[in-house]
Amino acid sequence: MEAPAAPYNPAENPAENPAETELVVTSPEQMRELGRRLAGLLRAGDLVMLSGELGAGKTTLTRGLGEGLGVRGAVTSPTFVIARVHPSLGGGPPLVHVDAYRLSGGLDEMEDLDLDVSLPDSVIVVEWGEGKVEELTEERLHITIHRAVGDTTDEVRRMTLTGIGERWTRADLGALTA
């Protein structure tokens, strides 16, 4: 008779055990600063997915990433062009900024952007990418930004950073709170 299998323990496989960090940002300036600090953790081959309501600060965070990565060009929302490539000014990886809001399909519809070709040499940030780009890589950082909805001037954003895959379970996302 065979011994029963041990219960599954996700901690035994860090690639399957996402790392999560919660942050609170109280102004657009703090969101940009968070992007600049996060850029210090990024390297070529990284995929960052941003989720949140309209006006949550996804592009503001990406603007800070661009500043931290030292890329050329103003980082603005690529809603109508779908994607923008910002080359590095200092030998680092380029930033590929994608807004998938108007794309209804999954990765199939995004194939024309050649993100799979760009990923190894670039940092790719995809706004509204949930359900559309996860197949690009098993390792990604998913940032969800929550804000008050309705008629409000509340600038507070509650953020959840979820690192998926071995690369992100080993990253010190907690250092971003310093």
C-alpha atoms as a PDB file:
ATOM      1  CA  MET A   1       0.000   0.000   0.000  1.00  0.00           C
ATOM      2  CA  GLU A   2       1.340   3.386  -1.004  1.00  0.00           C
ATOM      3  CA  ALA A   3       1.747   6.137   1.608  1.00  0.00           C
ATOM      4  CA  PRO A   4      -0.605   9.110   1.186  1.00  0.00           C
ATOM      5  CA  ALA A   5       0.878  12.106  -0.570  1.00  0.00           C
ATOM      6  CA  ALA A   6       1.944  15.006   1.610  1.00  0.00           C
ATOM      7  CA  PRO A   7      -0.362  18.024   1.498  1.00  0.00           C
ATOM      8  CA  TYR A   8       0.535  20.661  -1.073  1.00  0.00           C
ATOM      9  CA  ASN A   9       2.616  23.471   0.389  1.00  0.00           C
ATOM     10  CA  PRO A  10       3.065  26.440  -1.999  1.00  0.00           C
ATOM     11  CA  ALA A  11       5.963  27.728   0.129  1.00  0.00           C
ATOM     12  CA  GLU A  12       7.987  24.763  -1.155  1.00  0.00           C
ATOM     13  CA  ASN A  13       7.837  26.216  -4.687  1.00  0.00           C
ATOM     14  CA  PRO A  14       8.513  29.976  -4.578  1.00  0.00           C
ATOM     15  CA  ALA A  15       7.716  30.318  -8.289  1.00  0.00           C
ATOM     16  CA  GLU A  16       4.092  29.448  -7.455  1.00  0.00           C
ATOM     17  CA  ASN A  17       3.904  31.478  -4.239  1.00  0.00           C
ATOM     18  CA  PRO A  18       3.285  35.129  -5.116  1.00  0.00           C
ATOM     19  CA  ALA A  19       4.944  37.824  -3.014  1.00  0.00           C
ATOM     20  CA  GLU A  20       2.594  40.650  -2.028  1.00  0.00           C
ATOM     21  CA  THR A  21       3.261  44.110  -0.681  1.00  0.00           C
ATOM     22  CA  GLU A  22       0.655  46.711   0.235  1.00  0.00           C
ATOM     23  CA  LEU A  23       1.418  50.431  -0.164  1.00  0.00           C
ATOM     24  CA  VAL A  24      -0.451  53.690   0.336  1.00  0.00           C
ATOM     25  CA  VAL A  25       0.330  56.714  -1.841  1.00  0.00           C
ATOM     26  CA  THR A  26      -1.217  60.088  -1.018  1.00  0.00           C
ATOM     27  CA  SER A  27      -0.277  62.275  -3.996  1.00  0.00           C
ATOM     28  CA  PRO A  28       0.688  62.133  -7.683  1.00  0.00           C
ATOM     29  CA  GLU A  29       4.219  63.184  -6.668  1.00  0.00           C
ATOM     30  CA  GLN A  30       4.473  60.167  -4.370  1.00  0.00           C
ATOM     31  CA  MET A  31       3.204  57.922  -7.192  1.00  0.00           C
ATOM     32  CA  ARG A  32       5.972  59.208  -9.477  1.00  0.00           C
ATOM     33  CA  GLU A  33       8.547  58.744  -6.741  1.00  0.00           C
ATOM     34  CA  LEU A  34       7.349  55.167  -6.232  1.00  0.00           C
ATOM     35  CA  GLY A  35       7.851  54.618  -9.969  1.00  0.00           C
ATOM     36  CA  ARG A  36      11.407  55.976  -9.738  1.00  0.00           C
ATOM     37  CA  ARG A  37      12.177  53.633  -6.809  1.00  0.00           C
ATOM     38  CA  LEU A  38      10.561  50.662  -8.552  1.00  0.00           C
ATOM     39  CA  ALA A  39      12.725  51.318 -11.622  1.00  0.00           C
ATOM     40  CA  GLY A  40      15.727  50.402  -9.465  1.00  0.00           C
ATOM     41  CA  LEU A  41      14.345  46.857  -9.178  1.00  0.00           C
ATOM     42  CA  LEU A  42      13.546  46.447 -12.874  1.00  0.00           C
ATOM     43  CA  ARG A  43      15.716  44.889 -15.548  1.00  0.00           C
ATOM     44  CA  ALA A  44      15.403  43.801 -19.156  1.00  0.00           C
ATOM     45  CA  GLY A  45      12.861  41.018 -19.461  1.00  0.00           C
ATOM     46  CA  ASP A  46      10.517  42.336 -16.773  1.00  0.00           C
ATOM     47  CA  LEU A  47       6.784  42.581 -17.367  1.00  0.00           C
ATOM     48  CA  VAL A  48       4.786  44.942 -15.165  1.00  0.00           C
ATOM     49  CA  MET A  49       0.991  44.816 -15.365  1.00  0.00           C
ATOM     50  CA  LEU A  50      -0.963  47.800 -14.035  1.00  0.00           C
ATOM     51  CA  SER A  51      -4.634  47.573 -13.069  1.00  0.00           C
ATOM     52  CA  GLY A  52      -6.939  50.201 -11.636  1.00  0.00           C
ATOM     53  CA  GLU A  53      -9.818  52.538 -12.349  1.00  0.00           C
ATOM     54  CA  LEU A  54      -9.500  55.389 -14.826  1.00  0.00           C
ATOM     55  CA  GLY A  55      -7.510  58.112 -13.105  1.00  0.00           C
ATOM     56  CA  ALA A  56      -5.977  55.756 -10.550  1.00  0.00           C
ATOM     57  CA  GLY A  57      -2.396  56.764 -11.432  1.00  0.00           C
ATOM     58  CA  LYS A  58      -1.173  54.025 -13.784  1.00  0.00           C
ATOM     59  CA  THR A  59       0.401  56.463 -16.236  1.00  0.00           C
ATOM     60  CA  THR A  60       1.777  58.616 -13.408  1.00  0.00           C
ATOM     61  CA  LEU A  61       3.514  55.537 -11.980  1.00  0.00           C
ATOM     62  CA  THR A  62       4.845  54.671 -15.446  1.00  0.00           C
ATOM     63  CA  ARG A  63       6.130  58.242 -15.861  1.00  0.00           C
ATOM     64  CA  GLY A  64       8.177  57.718 -12.687  1.00  0.00           C
ATOM     65  CA  LEU A  65       9.432  54.380 -14.032  1.00  0.00           C
ATOM     66  CA  GLY A  66      10.595  56.130 -17.186  1.00  0.00           C
ATOM     67  CA  GLU A  67      12.427  58.752 -15.135  1.00  0.00           C
ATOM     68  CA  GLY A  68      14.049  56.069 -12.995  1.00  0.00           C
ATOM     69  CA  LEU A  69      15.059  54.008 -16.024  1.00  0.00           C
ATOM     70  CA  GLY A  70      16.453  57.108 -17.742  1.00  0.00           C
ATOM     71  CA  VAL A  71      14.530  56.773 -20.985  1.00  0.00           C
ATOM     72  CA  ARG A  72      13.994  59.255 -23.787  1.00  0.00           C
ATOM     73  CA  GLY A  73      10.696  60.989 -24.395  1.00  0.00           C
ATOM     74  CA  ALA A  74       7.820  62.102 -22.254  1.00  0.00           C
ATOM     75  CA  VAL A  75       5.908  59.145 -20.840  1.00  0.00           C
ATOM     76  CA  THR A  76       2.260  59.826 -21.604  1.00  0.00           C
ATOM     77  CA  SER A  77      -0.751  57.589 -21.912  1.00  0.00           C
ATOM     78  CA  PRO A  78      -0.525  55.496 -25.087  1.00  0.00           C
ATOM     79  CA  THR A  79      -4.303  54.971 -25.191  1.00  0.00           C
ATOM     80  CA  PHE A  80      -4.743  55.961 -28.833  1.00  0.00           C
ATOM     81  CA  VAL A  81      -1.462  54.592 -30.195  1.00  0.00           C
ATOM     82  CA  ILE A  82      -1.665  51.436 -28.031  1.00  0.00           C
ATOM     83  CA  ALA A  83       2.121  51.280 -27.403  1.00  0.00           C
ATOM     84  CA  ARG A  84       5.133  53.556 -27.180  1.00  0.00           C
ATOM     85  CA  VAL A  85       8.795  52.603 -27.014  1.00  0.00           C
ATOM     86  CA  HIS A  86      11.075  54.855 -24.968  1.00  0.00           C
ATOM     87  CA  PRO A  87      14.754  54.090 -25.704  1.00  0.00           C
ATOM     88  CA  SER A  88      17.263  54.291 -22.877  1.00  0.00           C
ATOM     89  CA  LEU A  89      19.498  57.343 -22.696  1.00  0.00           C
ATOM     90  CA  GLY A  90      22.156  55.490 -20.723  1.00  0.00           C
ATOM     91  CA  GLY A  91      22.544  51.946 -21.983  1.00  0.00           C
ATOM     92  CA  GLY A  92      19.752  50.439 -19.895  1.00  0.00           C
ATOM     93  CA  PRO A  93      16.713  48.647 -21.236  1.00  0.00           C
ATOM     94  CA  PRO A  94      14.103  50.543 -23.223  1.00  0.00           C
ATOM     95  CA  LEU A  95      10.658  51.029 -21.715  1.00  0.00           C
ATOM     96  CA  VAL A  96       7.749  49.676 -23.755  1.00  0.00           C
ATOM     97  CA  HIS A  97       4.544  51.298 -22.461  1.00  0.00           C
ATOM     98  CA  VAL A  98       1.320  49.639 -23.593  1.00  0.00           C
ATOM     99  CA  ASP A  99      -2.274  50.636 -22.940  1.00  0.00           C
ATOM    100  CA  ALA A 100      -4.500  47.630 -23.624  1.00  0.00           C
ATOM    101  CA  TYR A 101      -7.731  49.404 -22.610  1.00  0.00           C
ATOM    102  CA  ARG A 102      -9.160  49.447 -26.137  1.00  0.00           C
ATOM    103  CA  LEU A 103      -8.067  45.886 -26.931  1.00  0.00           C
ATOM    104  CA  SER A 104     -10.819  43.383 -26.269  1.00  0.00           C
ATOM    105  CA  GLY A 105      -8.983  40.167 -27.088  1.00  0.00           C
ATOM    106  CA  GLY A 106      -6.226  38.350 -25.263  1.00  0.00           C
ATOM    107  CA  LEU A 107      -2.654  37.792 -26.319  1.00  0.00           C
ATOM    108  CA  ASP A 108      -3.805  36.937 -29.864  1.00  0.00           C
ATOM    109  CA  GLU A 109      -4.918  40.525 -30.462  1.00  0.00           C
ATOM    110  CA  MET A 110      -1.704  41.848 -28.963  1.00  0.00           C
ATOM    111  CA  GLU A 111       0.558  39.724 -31.185  1.00  0.00           C
ATOM    112  CA  ASP A 112       0.861  42.576 -33.669  1.00  0.00           C
ATOM    113  CA  LEU A 113       2.722  44.539 -31.008  1.00  0.00           C
ATOM    114  CA  ASP A 114       5.471  41.862 -30.913  1.00  0.00           C
ATOM    115  CA  LEU A 115       5.721  42.112 -27.128  1.00  0.00           C
ATOM    116  CA  ASP A 116       7.129  38.590 -26.997  1.00  0.00           C
ATOM    117  CA  VAL A 117      10.008  39.768 -29.209  1.00  0.00           C
ATOM    118  CA  SER A 118      10.572  42.972 -27.195  1.00  0.00           C
ATOM    119  CA  LEU A 119      10.364  41.393 -23.727  1.00  0.00           C
ATOM    120  CA  PRO A 120      13.870  39.892 -23.394  1.00  0.00           C
ATOM    121  CA  ASP A 121      15.551  43.253 -24.065  1.00  0.00           C
ATOM    122  CA  SER A 122      13.000  45.670 -22.575  1.00  0.00           C
ATOM    123  CA  VAL A 123      10.974  46.539 -19.528  1.00  0.00           C
ATOM    124  CA  ILE A 124       7.351  46.214 -20.621  1.00  0.00           C
ATOM    125  CA  VAL A 125       4.601  48.008 -18.710  1.00  0.00           C
ATOM    126  CA  VAL A 126       1.028  47.151 -19.705  1.00  0.00           C
ATOM    127  CA  GLU A 127      -1.908  49.159 -18.424  1.00  0.00           C
ATOM    128  CA  TRP A 128      -5.180  47.229 -18.464  1.00  0.00           C
ATOM    129  CA  GLY A 129      -3.285  44.031 -19.335  1.00  0.00           C
ATOM    130  CA  GLU A 130      -5.079  41.649 -17.025  1.00  0.00           C
ATOM    131  CA  GLY A 131      -6.330  38.635 -18.996  1.00  0.00           C
ATOM    132  CA  LYS A 132      -4.349  39.749 -22.050  1.00  0.00           C
ATOM    133  CA  VAL A 133      -0.599  39.422 -21.473  1.00  0.00           C
ATOM    134  CA  GLU A 134      -0.038  36.878 -18.710  1.00  0.00           C
ATOM    135  CA  GLU A 135       1.031  34.295 -21.287  1.00  0.00           C
ATOM    136  CA  LEU A 136       4.086  36.389 -22.203  1.00  0.00           C
ATOM    137  CA  THR A 137       5.987  35.196 -19.149  1.00  0.00           C
ATOM    138  CA  GLU A 138       5.551  33.183 -15.968  1.00  0.00           C
ATOM    139  CA  GLU A 139       7.353  35.936 -14.062  1.00  0.00           C
ATOM    140  CA  ARG A 140       5.677  39.315 -13.753  1.00  0.00           C
ATOM    141  CA  LEU A 141       4.818  42.086 -11.354  1.00  0.00           C
ATOM    142  CA  HIS A 142       1.130  42.909 -11.108  1.00  0.00           C
ATOM    143  CA  ILE A 143       0.290  46.258  -9.510  1.00  0.00           C
ATOM    144  CA  THR A 144      -3.322  46.995  -8.640  1.00  0.00           C
ATOM    145  CA  ILE A 145      -4.145  50.601  -7.737  1.00  0.00           C
ATOM    146  CA  HIS A 146      -7.328  51.282  -5.782  1.00  0.00           C
ATOM    147  CA  ARG A 147      -8.784  54.770  -5.455  1.00  0.00           C
ATOM    148  CA  ALA A 148     -11.975  56.306  -4.158  1.00  0.00           C
ATOM    149  CA  VAL A 149     -14.564  56.406  -6.920  1.00  0.00           C
ATOM    150  CA  GLY A 150     -17.226  58.988  -7.602  1.00  0.00           C
ATOM    151  CA  ASP A 151     -17.024  62.752  -7.269  1.00  0.00           C
ATOM    152  CA  THR A 152     -14.009  63.037  -4.984  1.00  0.00           C
ATOM    153  CA  THR A 153     -10.750  64.928  -4.723  1.00  0.00           C
ATOM    154  CA  ASP A 154      -9.235  62.144  -2.627  1.00  0.00           C
ATOM    155  CA  GLU A 155      -5.660  61.551  -3.827  1.00  0.00           C
ATOM    156  CA  VAL A 156      -5.089  58.475  -1.631  1.00  0.00           C
ATOM    157  CA  ARG A 157      -4.242  55.330  -3.564  1.00  0.00           C
ATOM    158  CA  ARG A 158      -4.034  51.891  -1.985  1.00  0.00           C
ATOM    159  CA  MET A 159      -1.776  49.629  -3.964  1.00  0.00           C
ATOM    160  CA  THR A 160      -1.181  45.904  -4.030  1.00  0.00           C
ATOM    161  CA  LEU A 161       2.058  44.742  -5.638  1.00  0.00           C
ATOM    162  CA  THR A 162       2.003  41.037  -6.431  1.00  0.00           C
ATOM    163  CA  GLY A 163       5.212  39.439  -7.621  1.00  0.00           C
ATOM    164  CA  ILE A 164       4.586  36.266  -9.607  1.00  0.00           C
ATOM    165  CA  GLY A 165       7.347  33.787 -10.379  1.00  0.00           C
ATOM    166  CA  GLU A 166      10.733  33.112  -8.851  1.00  0.00           C
ATOM    167  CA  ARG A 167      12.255  36.420 -10.030  1.00  0.00           C
ATOM    168  CA  TRP A 168       9.626  38.407  -8.098  1.00  0.00           C
ATOM    169  CA  THR A 169       9.346  36.191  -5.017  1.00  0.00           C
ATOM    170  CA  ARG A 170      13.061  36.908  -4.483  1.00  0.00           C
ATOM    171  CA  ALA A 171      12.735  40.669  -5.108  1.00  0.00           C
ATOM    172  CA  ASP A 172      12.491  42.907  -2.048  1.00  0.00           C
ATOM    173  CA  LEU A 173       9.236  44.699  -2.802  1.00  0.00           C
ATOM    174  CA  GLY A 174       9.096  45.798   0.834  1.00  0.00           C
ATOM    175  CA  ALA A 175      12.053  48.105   0.142  1.00  0.00           C
ATOM    176  CA  LEU A 176       9.688  50.285  -1.892  1.00  0.00           C
ATOM    177  CA  THR A 177       7.949  51.380   1.320  1.00  0.00           C
ATOM    178  CA  ALA A 178      11.115  52.983   2.696  1.00  0.00           C
END
